[in-house]
PDB file of all heavy atoms in Angstrom:
ATOM      1  N   GLU A   1      72.518  13.568 -17.472  1.00  0.00           N
ATOM      2  CA  GLU A   1      72.674  12.892 -18.721  1.00  0.00           C
ATOM      3  C   GLU A   1      72.993  13.861 -19.865  1.00  0.00           C
ATOM      4  O   GLU A   1      73.818  13.575 -20.751  1.00  0.00           O
ATOM      5  CB  GLU A   1      71.436  12.064 -19.056  1.00  0.00           C
ATOM      6  CG  GLU A   1      71.219  10.902 -18.115  1.00  0.00           C
ATOM      7  CD  GLU A   1      69.892  10.208 -18.296  1.00  0.00           C
ATOM      8  OE1 GLU A   1      69.293  10.316 -19.373  1.00  0.00           O
ATOM      9  OE2 GLU A   1      69.404   9.581 -17.306  1.00  0.00           O
ATOM     10  N   ASP A   2      72.346  15.015 -19.821  1.00  0.00           N
ATOM     11  CA  ASP A   2      72.608  16.047 -20.840  1.00  0.00           C
ATOM     12  C   ASP A   2      74.016  16.613 -20.748  1.00  0.00           C
ATOM     13  O   ASP A   2      74.503  17.223 -21.714  1.00  0.00           O
ATOM     14  CB  ASP A   2      71.591  17.192 -20.700  1.00  0.00           C
ATOM     15  CG  ASP A   2      70.193  16.760 -21.133  1.00  0.00           C
ATOM     16  OD1 ASP A   2      70.067  15.735 -21.827  1.00  0.00           O
ATOM     17  OD2 ASP A   2      69.228  17.471 -20.747  1.00  0.00           O
ATOM     18  N   GLN A   3      74.681  16.382 -19.621  1.00  0.00           N
ATOM     19  CA  GLN A   3      76.056  16.823 -19.432  1.00  0.00           C
ATOM     20  C   GLN A   3      77.066  15.672 -19.630  1.00  0.00           C
ATOM     21  O   GLN A   3      78.248  15.816 -19.348  1.00  0.00           O
ATOM     22  CB  GLN A   3      76.251  17.430 -18.025  1.00  0.00           C
ATOM     23  CG  GLN A   3      75.393  18.674 -17.817  1.00  0.00           C
ATOM     24  CD  GLN A   3      75.590  19.225 -16.418  1.00  0.00           C
ATOM     25  OE1 GLN A   3      76.629  19.787 -16.053  1.00  0.00           O
ATOM     26  NE2 GLN A   3      74.547  19.065 -15.590  1.00  0.00           N
ATOM     27  N   GLY A   4      76.561  14.525 -20.081  1.00  0.00           N
ATOM     28  CA  GLY A   4      77.436  13.408 -20.367  1.00  0.00           C
ATOM     29  C   GLY A   4      77.835  12.624 -19.108  1.00  0.00           C
ATOM     30  O   GLY A   4      78.833  11.877 -19.086  1.00  0.00           O
ATOM     31  N   VAL A   5      77.035  12.759 -18.068  1.00  0.00           N
ATOM     32  CA  VAL A   5      77.294  12.085 -16.782  1.00  0.00           C
ATOM     33  C   VAL A   5      76.265  10.982 -16.611  1.00  0.00           C
ATOM     34  O   VAL A   5      75.059  11.203 -16.748  1.00  0.00           O
ATOM     35  CB  VAL A   5      77.232  13.071 -15.597  1.00  0.00           C
ATOM     36  CG1 VAL A   5      77.482  12.350 -14.283  1.00  0.00           C
ATOM     37  CG2 VAL A   5      78.264  14.191 -15.801  1.00  0.00           C
ATOM     38  N   GLN A   6      76.737   9.786 -16.254  1.00  0.00           N
ATOM     39  CA  GLN A   6      75.820   8.686 -16.024  1.00  0.00           C
ATOM     40  C   GLN A   6      74.932   8.991 -14.807  1.00  0.00           C
ATOM     41  O   GLN A   6      75.405   9.344 -13.730  1.00  0.00           O
ATOM     42  CB  GLN A   6      76.577   7.382 -15.755  1.00  0.00           C
ATOM     43  CG  GLN A   6      75.689   6.152 -15.656  1.00  0.00           C
ATOM     44  CD  GLN A   6      76.440   4.914 -15.338  1.00  0.00           C
ATOM     45  OE1 GLN A   6      77.090   4.809 -14.314  1.00  0.00           O
ATOM     46  NE2 GLN A   6      76.332   3.903 -16.205  1.00  0.00           N
ATOM     47  N   SER A   7      73.637   8.874 -15.013  1.00  0.00           N
ATOM     48  CA  SER A   7      72.657   9.180 -13.937  1.00  0.00           C
ATOM     49  C   SER A   7      72.316   7.941 -13.158  1.00  0.00           C
ATOM     50  O   SER A   7      72.629   6.820 -13.542  1.00  0.00           O
ATOM     51  CB  SER A   7      71.394   9.797 -14.550  1.00  0.00           C
ATOM     52  OG  SER A   7      70.707   8.800 -15.318  1.00  0.00           O
ATOM     53  N   LEU A   8      71.572   8.144 -12.067  1.00  0.00           N
ATOM     54  CA  LEU A   8      71.062   7.044 -11.287  1.00  0.00           C
ATOM     55  C   LEU A   8      70.156   6.167 -12.128  1.00  0.00           C
ATOM     56  O   LEU A   8      70.199   4.929 -12.069  1.00  0.00           O
ATOM     57  CB  LEU A   8      70.300   7.591 -10.061  1.00  0.00           C
ATOM     58  CG  LEU A   8      69.743   6.546  -9.071  1.00  0.00           C
ATOM     59  CD1 LEU A   8      70.875   5.901  -8.309  1.00  0.00           C
ATOM     60  CD2 LEU A   8      68.770   7.232  -8.088  1.00  0.00           C
ATOM     61  N   ARG A   9      69.327   6.813 -12.941  1.00  0.00           N
ATOM     62  CA  ARG A   9      68.426   6.068 -13.866  1.00  0.00           C
ATOM     63  C   ARG A   9      69.231   5.145 -14.748  1.00  0.00           C
ATOM     64  O   ARG A   9      68.936   3.927 -14.864  1.00  0.00           O
ATOM     65  CB  ARG A   9      67.647   7.080 -14.691  1.00  0.00           C
ATOM     66  CG  ARG A   9      66.689   6.464 -15.697  1.00  0.00           C
ATOM     67  CD  ARG A   9      66.136   7.483 -16.685  1.00  0.00           C
ATOM     68  NE  ARG A   9      67.095   7.814 -17.701  1.00  0.00           N
ATOM     69  CZ  ARG A   9      67.252   7.132 -18.855  1.00  0.00           C
ATOM     70  NH1 ARG A   9      66.515   6.047 -19.080  1.00  0.00           N
ATOM     71  NH2 ARG A   9      68.155   7.538 -19.723  1.00  0.00           N
ATOM     72  N   GLN A  10      70.266   5.663 -15.395  1.00  0.00           N
ATOM     73  CA  GLN A  10      71.061   4.869 -16.307  1.00  0.00           C
ATOM     74  C   GLN A  10      71.810   3.756 -15.583  1.00  0.00           C
ATOM     75  O   GLN A  10      71.959   2.644 -16.132  1.00  0.00           O
ATOM     76  CB  GLN A  10      72.026   5.758 -17.062  1.00  0.00           C
ATOM     77  CG  GLN A  10      71.377   6.727 -18.031  1.00  0.00           C
ATOM     78  CD  GLN A  10      72.368   7.692 -18.642  1.00  0.00           C
ATOM     79  OE1 GLN A  10      73.232   8.231 -17.927  1.00  0.00           O
ATOM     80  NE2 GLN A  10      72.234   7.926 -19.939  1.00  0.00           N
ATOM     81  N   ARG A  11      72.317   4.051 -14.389  1.00  0.00           N
ATOM     82  CA  ARG A  11      73.052   3.040 -13.649  1.00  0.00           C
ATOM     83  C   ARG A  11      72.184   1.835 -13.354  1.00  0.00           C
ATOM     84  O   ARG A  11      72.667   0.690 -13.358  1.00  0.00           O
ATOM     85  CB  ARG A  11      73.617   3.662 -12.373  1.00  0.00           C
ATOM     86  CG  ARG A  11      74.665   2.795 -11.696  1.00  0.00           C
ATOM     87  CD  ARG A  11      75.572   3.600 -10.773  1.00  0.00           C
ATOM     88  NE  ARG A  11      74.873   4.254  -9.688  1.00  0.00           N
ATOM     89  CZ  ARG A  11      74.626   5.571  -9.595  1.00  0.00           C
ATOM     90  NH1 ARG A  11      75.076   6.368 -10.531  1.00  0.00           N
ATOM     91  NH2 ARG A  11      74.004   6.075  -8.540  1.00  0.00           N
ATOM     92  N   HIS A  12      70.919   2.048 -13.076  1.00  0.00           N
ATOM     93  CA  HIS A  12      70.055   0.955 -12.731  1.00  0.00           C
ATOM     94  C   HIS A  12      69.372   0.272 -13.922  1.00  0.00           C
ATOM     95  O   HIS A  12      68.782  -0.792 -13.756  1.00  0.00           O
ATOM     96  CB  HIS A  12      68.991   1.420 -11.711  1.00  0.00           C
ATOM     97  CG  HIS A  12      69.538   1.531 -10.323  1.00  0.00           C
ATOM     98  ND1 HIS A  12      69.642   0.450  -9.483  1.00  0.00           N
ATOM     99  CD2 HIS A  12      70.044   2.584  -9.642  1.00  0.00           C
ATOM    100  CE1 HIS A  12      70.160   0.824  -8.327  1.00  0.00           C
ATOM    101  NE2 HIS A  12      70.435   2.112  -8.396  1.00  0.00           N
ATOM    102  N   THR A  13      69.460   0.849 -15.093  1.00  0.00           N
ATOM    103  CA  THR A  13      68.925   0.205 -16.268  1.00  0.00           C
ATOM    104  C   THR A  13      70.014  -0.418 -17.123  1.00  0.00           C
ATOM    105  O   THR A  13      69.718  -1.332 -17.940  1.00  0.00           O
ATOM    106  CB  THR A  13      68.145   1.230 -17.148  1.00  0.00           C
ATOM    107  OG1 THR A  13      68.969   2.336 -17.493  1.00  0.00           O
ATOM    108  CG2 THR A  13      66.905   1.693 -16.434  1.00  0.00           C
ATOM    109  N   ALA A  14      71.280  -0.007 -16.958  1.00  0.00           N
ATOM    110  CA  ALA A  14      72.356  -0.549 -17.761  1.00  0.00           C
ATOM    111  C   ALA A  14      72.687  -2.000 -17.331  1.00  0.00           C
ATOM    112  O   ALA A  14      73.093  -2.809 -18.147  1.00  0.00           O
ATOM    113  CB  ALA A  14      73.612   0.315 -17.619  1.00  0.00           C
ATOM    114  N   GLY A  15      72.546  -2.260 -16.020  1.00  0.00           N
ATOM    115  CA  GLY A  15      72.779  -3.631 -15.567  1.00  0.00           C
ATOM    116  C   GLY A  15      74.208  -4.014 -15.418  1.00  0.00           C
ATOM    117  O   GLY A  15      74.529  -5.207 -15.277  1.00  0.00           O
ATOM    118  N   VAL A  16      75.130  -3.054 -15.446  1.00  0.00           N
ATOM    119  CA  VAL A  16      76.562  -3.369 -15.338  1.00  0.00           C
ATOM    120  C   VAL A  16      76.895  -3.841 -13.923  1.00  0.00           C
ATOM    121  O   VAL A  16      77.621  -4.827 -13.734  1.00  0.00           O
ATOM    122  CB  VAL A  16      77.437  -2.135 -15.700  1.00  0.00           C
ATOM    123  CG1 VAL A  16      78.890  -2.426 -15.448  1.00  0.00           C
ATOM    124  CG2 VAL A  16      77.204  -1.779 -17.161  1.00  0.00           C
ATOM    125  N   ILE A  17      76.360  -3.152 -12.930  1.00  0.00           N
ATOM    126  CA  ILE A  17      76.646  -3.507 -11.537  1.00  0.00           C
ATOM    127  C   ILE A  17      75.605  -4.544 -11.065  1.00  0.00           C
ATOM    128  O   ILE A  17      74.450  -4.456 -11.455  1.00  0.00           O
ATOM    129  CB  ILE A  17      76.669  -2.308 -10.625  1.00  0.00           C
ATOM    130  CG1 ILE A  17      75.376  -1.500 -10.736  1.00  0.00           C
ATOM    131  CG2 ILE A  17      77.899  -1.427 -10.922  1.00  0.00           C
ATOM    132  CD1 ILE A  17      75.286  -0.300  -9.783  1.00  0.00           C
ATOM    133  N   PRO A  18      75.997  -5.500 -10.248  1.00  0.00           N
ATOM    134  CA  PRO A  18      75.058  -6.551  -9.824  1.00  0.00           C
ATOM    135  C   PRO A  18      73.813  -6.021  -9.138  1.00  0.00           C
ATOM    136  O   PRO A  18      72.728  -6.558  -9.252  1.00  0.00           O
ATOM    137  CB  PRO A  18      75.893  -7.398  -8.852  1.00  0.00           C
ATOM    138  CG  PRO A  18      77.297  -7.161  -9.254  1.00  0.00           C
ATOM    139  CD  PRO A  18      77.355  -5.725  -9.737  1.00  0.00           C
ATOM    140  N   GLU A  19      73.987  -4.923  -8.354  1.00  0.00           N
ATOM    141  CA  GLU A  19      72.853  -4.368  -7.592  1.00  0.00           C
ATOM    142  C   GLU A  19      71.947  -3.464  -8.417  1.00  0.00           C
ATOM    143  O   GLU A  19      71.012  -2.858  -7.882  1.00  0.00           O
ATOM    144  CB  GLU A  19      73.330  -3.644  -6.359  1.00  0.00           C
ATOM    145  CG  GLU A  19      74.176  -2.404  -6.605  1.00  0.00           C
ATOM    146  CD  GLU A  19      75.670  -2.686  -6.698  1.00  0.00           C
ATOM    147  OE1 GLU A  19      76.047  -3.826  -7.005  1.00  0.00           O
ATOM    148  OE2 GLU A  19      76.453  -1.743  -6.468  1.00  0.00           O
ATOM    149  N   ALA A  20      72.195  -3.313  -9.695  1.00  0.00           N
ATOM    150  CA  ALA A  20      71.266  -2.546 -10.573  1.00  0.00           C
ATOM    151  C   ALA A  20      69.888  -3.159 -10.483  1.00  0.00           C
ATOM    152  O   ALA A  20      69.731  -4.381 -10.521  1.00  0.00           O
ATOM    153  CB  ALA A  20      71.790  -2.576 -11.997  1.00  0.00           C
ATOM    154  N   ARG A  21      68.889  -2.317 -10.400  1.00  0.00           N
ATOM    155  CA  ARG A  21      67.515  -2.831 -10.198  1.00  0.00           C
ATOM    156  C   ARG A  21      67.068  -3.680 -11.378  1.00  0.00           C
ATOM    157  O   ARG A  21      66.231  -4.567 -11.213  1.00  0.00           O
ATOM    158  CB  ARG A  21      66.557  -1.688  -9.960  1.00  0.00           C
ATOM    159  CG  ARG A  21      66.819  -0.985  -8.634  1.00  0.00           C
ATOM    160  CD  ARG A  21      65.639  -0.144  -8.200  1.00  0.00           C
ATOM    161  NE  ARG A  21      66.000   0.664  -7.009  1.00  0.00           N
ATOM    162  CZ  ARG A  21      65.107   1.370  -6.320  1.00  0.00           C
ATOM    163  NH1 ARG A  21      63.840   1.397  -6.702  1.00  0.00           N
ATOM    164  NH2 ARG A  21      65.496   2.089  -5.279  1.00  0.00           N
ATOM    165  N   ILE A  22      67.590  -3.453 -12.547  1.00  0.00           N
ATOM    166  CA  ILE A  22      67.161  -4.270 -13.696  1.00  0.00           C
ATOM    167  C   ILE A  22      67.665  -5.683 -13.545  1.00  0.00           C
ATOM    168  O   ILE A  22      67.092  -6.632 -14.101  1.00  0.00           O
ATOM    169  CB  ILE A  22      67.658  -3.628 -15.017  1.00  0.00           C
ATOM    170  CG1 ILE A  22      66.838  -4.146 -16.186  1.00  0.00           C
ATOM    171  CG2 ILE A  22      69.138  -3.861 -15.228  1.00  0.00           C
ATOM    172  CD1 ILE A  22      66.962  -3.361 -17.454  1.00  0.00           C
ATOM    173  N   ASN A  23      68.739  -5.850 -12.774  1.00  0.00           N
ATOM    174  CA  ASN A  23      69.239  -7.211 -12.456  1.00  0.00           C
ATOM    175  C   ASN A  23      68.467  -7.812 -11.285  1.00  0.00           C
ATOM    176  O   ASN A  23      68.179  -9.006 -11.288  1.00  0.00           O
ATOM    177  CB  ASN A  23      70.726  -7.153 -12.112  1.00  0.00           C
ATOM    178  CG  ASN A  23      71.597  -6.754 -13.267  1.00  0.00           C
ATOM    179  OD1 ASN A  23      71.248  -6.991 -14.423  1.00  0.00           O
ATOM    180  ND2 ASN A  23      72.725  -6.126 -13.015  1.00  0.00           N
ATOM    181  N   LEU A  24      68.166  -6.994 -10.293  1.00  0.00           N
ATOM    182  CA  LEU A  24      67.479  -7.495  -9.083  1.00  0.00           C
ATOM    183  C   LEU A  24      66.020  -7.843  -9.365  1.00  0.00           C
ATOM    184  O   LEU A  24      65.482  -8.809  -8.832  1.00  0.00           O
ATOM    185  CB  LEU A  24      67.556  -6.460  -7.971  1.00  0.00           C
ATOM    186  CG  LEU A  24      68.941  -6.111  -7.456  1.00  0.00           C
ATOM    187  CD1 LEU A  24      68.821  -5.009  -6.380  1.00  0.00           C
ATOM    188  CD2 LEU A  24      69.631  -7.337  -6.845  1.00  0.00           C
ATOM    189  N   TYR A  25      65.364  -7.047 -10.240  1.00  0.00           N
ATOM    190  CA  TYR A  25      63.938  -7.213 -10.438  1.00  0.00           C
ATOM    191  C   TYR A  25      63.619  -7.212 -11.946  1.00  0.00           C
ATOM    192  O   TYR A  25      62.923  -6.331 -12.469  1.00  0.00           O
ATOM    193  CB  TYR A  25      63.153  -6.090  -9.755  1.00  0.00           C
ATOM    194  CG  TYR A  25      63.671  -5.743  -8.381  1.00  0.00           C
ATOM    195  CD1 TYR A  25      64.175  -4.484  -8.090  1.00  0.00           C
ATOM    196  CD2 TYR A  25      63.649  -6.681  -7.338  1.00  0.00           C
ATOM    197  CE1 TYR A  25      64.640  -4.155  -6.811  1.00  0.00           C
ATOM    198  CE2 TYR A  25      64.127  -6.388  -6.082  1.00  0.00           C
ATOM    199  CZ  TYR A  25      64.644  -5.106  -5.834  1.00  0.00           C
ATOM    200  OH  TYR A  25      65.121  -4.829  -4.580  1.00  0.00           O
ATOM    201  N   PRO A  26      64.104  -8.218 -12.652  1.00  0.00           N
ATOM    202  CA  PRO A  26      63.941  -8.200 -14.138  1.00  0.00           C
ATOM    203  C   PRO A  26      62.464  -8.368 -14.574  1.00  0.00           C
ATOM    204  O   PRO A  26      62.114  -8.031 -15.704  1.00  0.00           O
ATOM    205  CB  PRO A  26      64.759  -9.446 -14.537  1.00  0.00           C
ATOM    206  CG  PRO A  26      64.807 -10.330 -13.352  1.00  0.00           C
ATOM    207  CD  PRO A  26      64.854  -9.394 -12.188  1.00  0.00           C
ATOM    208  N   ASP A  27      61.622  -8.850 -13.663  1.00  0.00           N
ATOM    209  CA  ASP A  27      60.209  -9.043 -14.026  1.00  0.00           C
ATOM    210  C   ASP A  27      59.300  -7.966 -13.454  1.00  0.00           C
ATOM    211  O   ASP A  27      58.078  -8.165 -13.321  1.00  0.00           O
ATOM    212  CB  ASP A  27      59.740 -10.418 -13.550  1.00  0.00           C
ATOM    213  CG  ASP A  27      60.571 -11.558 -14.117  1.00  0.00           C
ATOM    214  OD1 ASP A  27      60.972 -11.453 -15.285  1.00  0.00           O
ATOM    215  OD2 ASP A  27      60.858 -12.539 -13.401  1.00  0.00           O
ATOM    216  N   ALA A  28      59.879  -6.846 -13.075  1.00  0.00           N
ATOM    217  CA  ALA A  28      59.102  -5.811 -12.356  1.00  0.00           C
ATOM    218  C   ALA A  28      57.871  -5.328 -13.109  1.00  0.00           C
ATOM    219  O   ALA A  28      56.808  -5.095 -12.523  1.00  0.00           O
ATOM    220  CB  ALA A  28      60.012  -4.608 -12.067  1.00  0.00           C
ATOM    221  N   LEU A  29      57.957  -5.265 -14.425  1.00  0.00           N
ATOM    222  CA  LEU A  29      56.833  -4.751 -15.210  1.00  0.00           C
ATOM    223  C   LEU A  29      55.701  -5.737 -15.367  1.00  0.00           C
ATOM    224  O   LEU A  29      54.595  -5.371 -15.785  1.00  0.00           O
ATOM    225  CB  LEU A  29      57.313  -4.305 -16.582  1.00  0.00           C
ATOM    226  CG  LEU A  29      58.277  -3.104 -16.669  1.00  0.00           C
ATOM    227  CD1 LEU A  29      58.525  -2.711 -18.105  1.00  0.00           C
ATOM    228  CD2 LEU A  29      57.754  -1.940 -15.866  1.00  0.00           C
ATOM    229  N   ASP A  30      55.909  -6.973 -14.986  1.00  0.00           N
ATOM    230  CA  ASP A  30      54.870  -7.974 -15.132  1.00  0.00           C
ATOM    231  C   ASP A  30      53.622  -7.667 -14.297  1.00  0.00           C
ATOM    232  O   ASP A  30      52.525  -8.061 -14.649  1.00  0.00           O
ATOM    233  CB  ASP A  30      55.395  -9.360 -14.732  1.00  0.00           C
ATOM    234  CG  ASP A  30      56.443  -9.889 -15.711  1.00  0.00           C
ATOM    235  OD1 ASP A  30      56.638  -9.256 -16.752  1.00  0.00           O
ATOM    236  OD2 ASP A  30      57.032 -10.952 -15.425  1.00  0.00           O
ATOM    237  N   ALA A  31      53.842  -6.925 -13.194  1.00  0.00           N
ATOM    238  CA  ALA A  31      52.738  -6.627 -12.301  1.00  0.00           C
ATOM    239  C   ALA A  31      52.030  -5.306 -12.654  1.00  0.00           C
ATOM    240  O   ALA A  31      51.063  -4.928 -11.986  1.00  0.00           O
ATOM    241  CB  ALA A  31      53.234  -6.569 -10.865  1.00  0.00           C
ATOM    242  N   LEU A  32      52.460  -4.639 -13.714  1.00  0.00           N
ATOM    243  CA  LEU A  32      51.897  -3.341 -14.092  1.00  0.00           C
ATOM    244  C   LEU A  32      50.546  -3.511 -14.755  1.00  0.00           C
ATOM    245  O   LEU A  32      50.380  -4.290 -15.681  1.00  0.00           O
ATOM    246  CB  LEU A  32      52.861  -2.617 -15.024  1.00  0.00           C
ATOM    247  CG  LEU A  32      52.454  -1.225 -15.471  1.00  0.00           C
ATOM    248  CD1 LEU A  32      52.498  -0.243 -14.289  1.00  0.00           C
ATOM    249  CD2 LEU A  32      53.337  -0.721 -16.604  1.00  0.00           C
ATOM    250  N   ASP A  33      49.558  -2.776 -14.237  1.00  0.00           N
ATOM    251  CA  ASP A  33      48.189  -2.849 -14.807  1.00  0.00           C
ATOM    252  C   ASP A  33      48.072  -1.808 -15.934  1.00  0.00           C
ATOM    253  O   ASP A  33      48.912  -0.923 -16.130  1.00  0.00           O
ATOM    254  CB  ASP A  33      47.173  -2.568 -13.732  1.00  0.00           C
ATOM    255  CG  ASP A  33      45.830  -3.255 -14.021  1.00  0.00           C
ATOM    256  OD1 ASP A  33      45.535  -3.485 -15.223  1.00  0.00           O
ATOM    257  OD2 ASP A  33      45.094  -3.524 -13.076  1.00  0.00           O
ATOM    258  N   GLU A  34      46.954  -1.919 -16.707  1.00  0.00           N
ATOM    259  CA  GLU A  34      46.734  -1.020 -17.851  1.00  0.00           C
ATOM    260  C   GLU A  34      46.620   0.421 -17.403  1.00  0.00           C
ATOM    261  O   GLU A  34      46.909   1.333 -18.193  1.00  0.00           O
ATOM    262  CB  GLU A  34      45.488  -1.464 -18.598  1.00  0.00           C
ATOM    263  CG  GLU A  34      45.669  -2.778 -19.328  1.00  0.00           C
ATOM    264  CD  GLU A  34      44.420  -3.156 -20.100  1.00  0.00           C
ATOM    265  OE1 GLU A  34      43.425  -2.398 -20.035  1.00  0.00           O
ATOM    266  OE2 GLU A  34      44.408  -4.206 -20.799  1.00  0.00           O
ATOM    267  N   ASP A  35      46.178   0.670 -16.188  1.00  0.00           N
ATOM    268  CA  ASP A  35      46.009   2.041 -15.719  1.00  0.00           C
ATOM    269  C   ASP A  35      47.257   2.529 -14.967  1.00  0.00           C
ATOM    270  O   ASP A  35      47.229   3.539 -14.307  1.00  0.00           O
ATOM    271  CB  ASP A  35      44.786   2.148 -14.808  1.00  0.00           C
ATOM    272  CG  ASP A  35      44.893   1.329 -13.551  1.00  0.00           C
ATOM    273  OD1 ASP A  35      45.847   0.536 -13.424  1.00  0.00           O
ATOM    274  OD2 ASP A  35      44.006   1.448 -12.672  1.00  0.00           O
TER     275      ASP A  35
END
C-alpha cells in the first residue's frame, strides 16, 4: 500500500469484486466479543 499497490487487505474491504470478503460476510463483526 505504501508503494501505491492495492493489497489483499484492500481488495477484500473495497468490495469491488463479488468474492471480496466484505461482500461474502458483511455481518462478520457481529460475532466479535469484547475481548
